[in-house]
Amino acid sequence: MARGWESKSVEEQQSNAASAPRKLGPRLTPDQLTRQRQRQGLLLSRTRVLQQLETTQNARHRQMLEGALAHLDAQIAQLG
């Protein structure tokens, strides 16, 4: 019996969450969504490159990563 009561509670919570008004920000245009996703992807790549820079010991690899970081920074700046 406790199991049935528990599932009803979960079901009730889900229906309440579905019917509750959501606070959404301003609607973004498809172009804005694309730019936002691109920016997020670039920021993730930048984070990964920075992590690799912290651990690399090879000078050539470090130089390559610094170039990649500069390129990512330029792309992020273009997106604004």
N, C-alpha and C. Protein backbone atom coordinates (compact mmCIF):
# COMPACT_ATOMS: atom_id res chain seq x y z
N MET A 1 0.82 -1.19 0.00
CA MET A 1 0.00 0.00 0.00
C MET A 1 0.87 1.26 0.00
N ALA A 2 1.96 1.23 0.72
CA ALA A 2 2.84 2.39 0.76
C ALA A 2 3.40 2.68 -0.63
N ARG A 3 3.63 1.62 -1.38
CA ARG A 3 4.17 1.81 -2.71
C ARG A 3 3.18 2.57 -3.60
N GLY A 4 1.91 2.23 -3.54
CA GLY A 4 0.89 2.92 -4.32
C GLY A 4 0.78 4.38 -3.92
N TRP A 5 0.84 4.65 -2.65
CA TRP A 5 0.76 6.03 -2.15
C TRP A 5 1.94 6.84 -2.66
N GLU A 6 3.12 6.21 -2.64
CA GLU A 6 4.32 6.90 -3.10
C GLU A 6 4.22 7.24 -4.58
N SER A 7 3.76 6.32 -5.40
CA SER A 7 3.67 6.58 -6.83
C SER A 7 2.63 7.66 -7.12
N LYS A 8 1.56 7.70 -6.34
CA LYS A 8 0.57 8.76 -6.53
C LYS A 8 1.17 10.12 -6.20
N SER A 9 2.01 10.16 -5.18
CA SER A 9 2.65 11.41 -4.81
C SER A 9 3.57 11.89 -5.92
N VAL A 10 4.32 10.98 -6.49
CA VAL A 10 5.23 11.33 -7.59
C VAL A 10 4.41 11.81 -8.78
N GLU A 11 3.33 11.09 -9.07
CA GLU A 11 2.48 11.48 -10.20
C GLU A 11 1.89 12.87 -9.98
N GLU A 12 1.48 13.13 -8.76
CA GLU A 12 0.92 14.44 -8.44
C GLU A 12 1.96 15.55 -8.59
N GLN A 13 3.19 15.27 -8.14
CA GLN A 13 4.26 16.26 -8.27
C GLN A 13 4.56 16.55 -9.74
N GLN A 14 4.55 15.50 -10.55
CA GLN A 14 4.82 15.69 -11.97
C GLN A 14 3.73 16.50 -12.65
N SER A 15 2.49 16.23 -12.30
CA SER A 15 1.40 16.99 -12.91
C SER A 15 1.43 18.45 -12.45
N ASN A 16 1.78 18.67 -11.19
CA ASN A 16 1.90 20.05 -10.68
C ASN A 16 3.02 20.79 -11.40
N ALA A 17 4.12 20.11 -11.61
CA ALA A 17 5.26 20.75 -12.29
C ALA A 17 4.90 21.06 -13.74
N ALA A 18 4.14 20.18 -14.37
CA ALA A 18 3.76 20.40 -15.77
C ALA A 18 2.78 21.55 -15.91
N SER A 19 1.92 21.73 -14.91
CA SER A 19 0.91 22.78 -15.02
C SER A 19 1.38 24.13 -14.45
N ALA A 20 2.48 24.13 -13.72
CA ALA A 20 2.98 25.37 -13.12
C ALA A 20 3.52 26.28 -14.22
N PRO A 21 3.27 27.57 -14.10
CA PRO A 21 3.81 28.49 -15.11
C PRO A 21 5.34 28.53 -15.03
N ARG A 22 5.94 28.50 -16.18
CA ARG A 22 7.40 28.52 -16.24
C ARG A 22 7.87 29.95 -16.50
N LYS A 23 8.94 30.28 -15.86
CA LYS A 23 9.52 31.61 -16.07
C LYS A 23 10.55 31.49 -17.19
N LEU A 24 10.17 31.93 -18.33
CA LEU A 24 11.06 31.89 -19.47
C LEU A 24 11.59 33.28 -19.74
N GLY A 25 12.79 33.33 -20.22
CA GLY A 25 13.36 34.61 -20.59
C GLY A 25 12.75 35.07 -21.90
N PRO A 26 13.29 36.10 -22.46
CA PRO A 26 12.77 36.57 -23.74
C PRO A 26 12.98 35.51 -24.82
N ARG A 27 12.04 35.43 -25.72
CA ARG A 27 12.16 34.47 -26.81
C ARG A 27 13.33 34.85 -27.70
N LEU A 28 14.13 33.85 -28.03
CA LEU A 28 15.27 34.10 -28.89
C LEU A 28 14.94 33.68 -30.31
N THR A 29 15.47 34.41 -31.25
CA THR A 29 15.28 34.06 -32.65
C THR A 29 16.17 32.85 -32.97
N PRO A 30 15.88 32.15 -34.05
CA PRO A 30 16.73 31.01 -34.42
C PRO A 30 18.20 31.41 -34.59
N ASP A 31 18.44 32.61 -35.12
CA ASP A 31 19.82 33.09 -35.28
C ASP A 31 20.48 33.30 -33.93
N GLN A 32 19.73 33.86 -32.99
CA GLN A 32 20.29 34.07 -31.64
C GLN A 32 20.57 32.74 -30.96
N LEU A 33 19.69 31.77 -31.13
CA LEU A 33 19.91 30.45 -30.54
C LEU A 33 21.16 29.80 -31.13
N THR A 34 21.34 29.93 -32.43
CA THR A 34 22.52 29.36 -33.09
C THR A 34 23.79 30.00 -32.54
N ARG A 35 23.77 31.32 -32.42
CA ARG A 35 24.95 32.04 -31.91
C ARG A 35 25.23 31.65 -30.46
N GLN A 36 24.17 31.49 -29.67
CA GLN A 36 24.33 31.11 -28.27
C GLN A 36 24.95 29.72 -28.16
N ARG A 37 24.48 28.80 -28.98
CA ARG A 37 25.04 27.44 -28.97
C ARG A 37 26.49 27.44 -29.43
N GLN A 38 26.79 28.22 -30.46
CA GLN A 38 28.17 28.31 -30.93
C GLN A 38 29.07 28.86 -29.84
N ARG A 39 28.60 29.89 -29.16
CA ARG A 39 29.39 30.50 -28.09
C ARG A 39 29.63 29.50 -26.96
N GLN A 40 28.61 28.76 -26.58
CA GLN A 40 28.77 27.76 -25.53
C GLN A 40 29.77 26.69 -25.93
N GLY A 41 29.70 26.26 -27.18
CA GLY A 41 30.65 25.27 -27.68
C GLY A 41 32.08 25.80 -27.67
N LEU A 42 32.24 27.04 -28.09
CA LEU A 42 33.57 27.65 -28.10
C LEU A 42 34.11 27.80 -26.68
N LEU A 43 33.25 28.17 -25.74
CA LEU A 43 33.69 28.32 -24.35
C LEU A 43 34.09 26.97 -23.76
N LEU A 44 33.37 25.92 -24.11
CA LEU A 44 33.75 24.58 -23.64
C LEU A 44 35.10 24.17 -24.22
N SER A 45 35.30 24.44 -25.51
CA SER A 45 36.58 24.13 -26.14
C SER A 45 37.71 24.92 -25.49
N ARG A 46 37.44 26.17 -25.19
CA ARG A 46 38.45 27.03 -24.55
C ARG A 46 38.84 26.46 -23.18
N THR A 47 37.85 26.01 -22.43
CA THR A 47 38.12 25.42 -21.12
C THR A 47 38.99 24.18 -21.25
N ARG A 48 38.67 23.35 -22.24
CA ARG A 48 39.45 22.13 -22.46
C ARG A 48 40.89 22.47 -22.83
N VAL A 49 41.09 23.45 -23.70
CA VAL A 49 42.44 23.85 -24.11
C VAL A 49 43.22 24.40 -22.91
N LEU A 50 42.56 25.19 -22.08
CA LEU A 50 43.23 25.73 -20.88
C LEU A 50 43.66 24.60 -19.94
N GLN A 51 42.81 23.59 -19.79
CA GLN A 51 43.16 22.46 -18.94
C GLN A 51 44.36 21.71 -19.50
N GLN A 52 44.40 21.55 -20.82
CA GLN A 52 45.54 20.88 -21.43
C GLN A 52 46.81 21.71 -21.30
N LEU A 53 46.67 23.03 -21.39
CA LEU A 53 47.84 23.91 -21.22
C LEU A 53 48.45 23.78 -19.83
N GLU A 54 47.60 23.59 -18.83
CA GLU A 54 48.09 23.46 -17.46
C GLU A 54 48.94 22.20 -17.27
N THR A 55 48.65 21.17 -18.03
CA THR A 55 49.31 19.89 -17.79
C THR A 55 50.40 19.54 -18.80
N THR A 56 50.44 20.24 -19.93
CA THR A 56 51.42 19.85 -20.95
C THR A 56 52.83 20.27 -20.57
N GLN A 57 53.78 19.44 -20.98
CA GLN A 57 55.19 19.74 -20.72
C GLN A 57 55.98 19.88 -22.02
N ASN A 58 55.38 19.47 -23.11
CA ASN A 58 56.03 19.54 -24.41
C ASN A 58 55.88 20.96 -24.97
N ALA A 59 57.00 21.58 -25.34
CA ALA A 59 56.99 22.97 -25.81
C ALA A 59 56.20 23.12 -27.10
N ARG A 60 56.33 22.16 -28.02
CA ARG A 60 55.60 22.26 -29.28
C ARG A 60 54.09 22.10 -29.07
N HIS A 61 53.73 21.20 -28.18
CA HIS A 61 52.31 21.01 -27.88
C HIS A 61 51.75 22.26 -27.22
N ARG A 62 52.53 22.87 -26.32
CA ARG A 62 52.11 24.10 -25.66
C ARG A 62 51.90 25.21 -26.69
N GLN A 63 52.82 25.31 -27.65
CA GLN A 63 52.71 26.33 -28.69
C GLN A 63 51.44 26.12 -29.52
N MET A 64 51.15 24.87 -29.86
CA MET A 64 49.95 24.56 -30.63
C MET A 64 48.69 24.93 -29.83
N LEU A 65 48.69 24.60 -28.54
CA LEU A 65 47.54 24.91 -27.70
C LEU A 65 47.35 26.42 -27.54
N GLU A 66 48.45 27.16 -27.42
CA GLU A 66 48.34 28.61 -27.32
C GLU A 66 47.76 29.22 -28.60
N GLY A 67 48.14 28.65 -29.75
CA GLY A 67 47.56 29.09 -31.01
C GLY A 67 46.07 28.79 -31.08
N ALA A 68 45.69 27.60 -30.61
CA ALA A 68 44.28 27.21 -30.59
C ALA A 68 43.49 28.13 -29.66
N LEU A 69 44.09 28.48 -28.53
CA LEU A 69 43.44 29.36 -27.57
C LEU A 69 43.22 30.75 -28.18
N ALA A 70 44.22 31.26 -28.88
CA ALA A 70 44.09 32.56 -29.53
C ALA A 70 42.99 32.52 -30.59
N HIS A 71 42.93 31.43 -31.34
CA HIS A 71 41.90 31.29 -32.37
C HIS A 71 40.51 31.23 -31.74
N LEU A 72 40.37 30.47 -30.67
CA LEU A 72 39.08 30.39 -29.98
C LEU A 72 38.67 31.75 -29.42
N ASP A 73 39.62 32.46 -28.84
CA ASP A 73 39.31 33.79 -28.30
C ASP A 73 38.84 34.74 -29.41
N ALA A 74 39.45 34.64 -30.59
CA ALA A 74 39.04 35.49 -31.70
C ALA A 74 37.62 35.14 -32.16
N GLN A 75 37.32 33.85 -32.19
CA GLN A 75 35.96 33.44 -32.60
C GLN A 75 34.93 33.88 -31.59
N ILE A 76 35.26 33.79 -30.31
CA ILE A 76 34.33 34.21 -29.26
C ILE A 76 34.11 35.72 -29.37
N ALA A 77 35.16 36.47 -29.64
CA ALA A 77 35.04 37.92 -29.78
C ALA A 77 34.16 38.29 -30.98
N GLN A 78 34.24 37.52 -32.06
CA GLN A 78 33.40 37.80 -33.23
C GLN A 78 31.92 37.59 -32.92
N LEU A 79 31.63 36.59 -32.09
CA LEU A 79 30.23 36.34 -31.75
C LEU A 79 29.67 37.40 -30.83
N GLY A 80 30.56 38.05 -30.10
CA GLY A 80 30.14 39.16 -29.23
C GLY A 80 29.63 38.73 -27.97
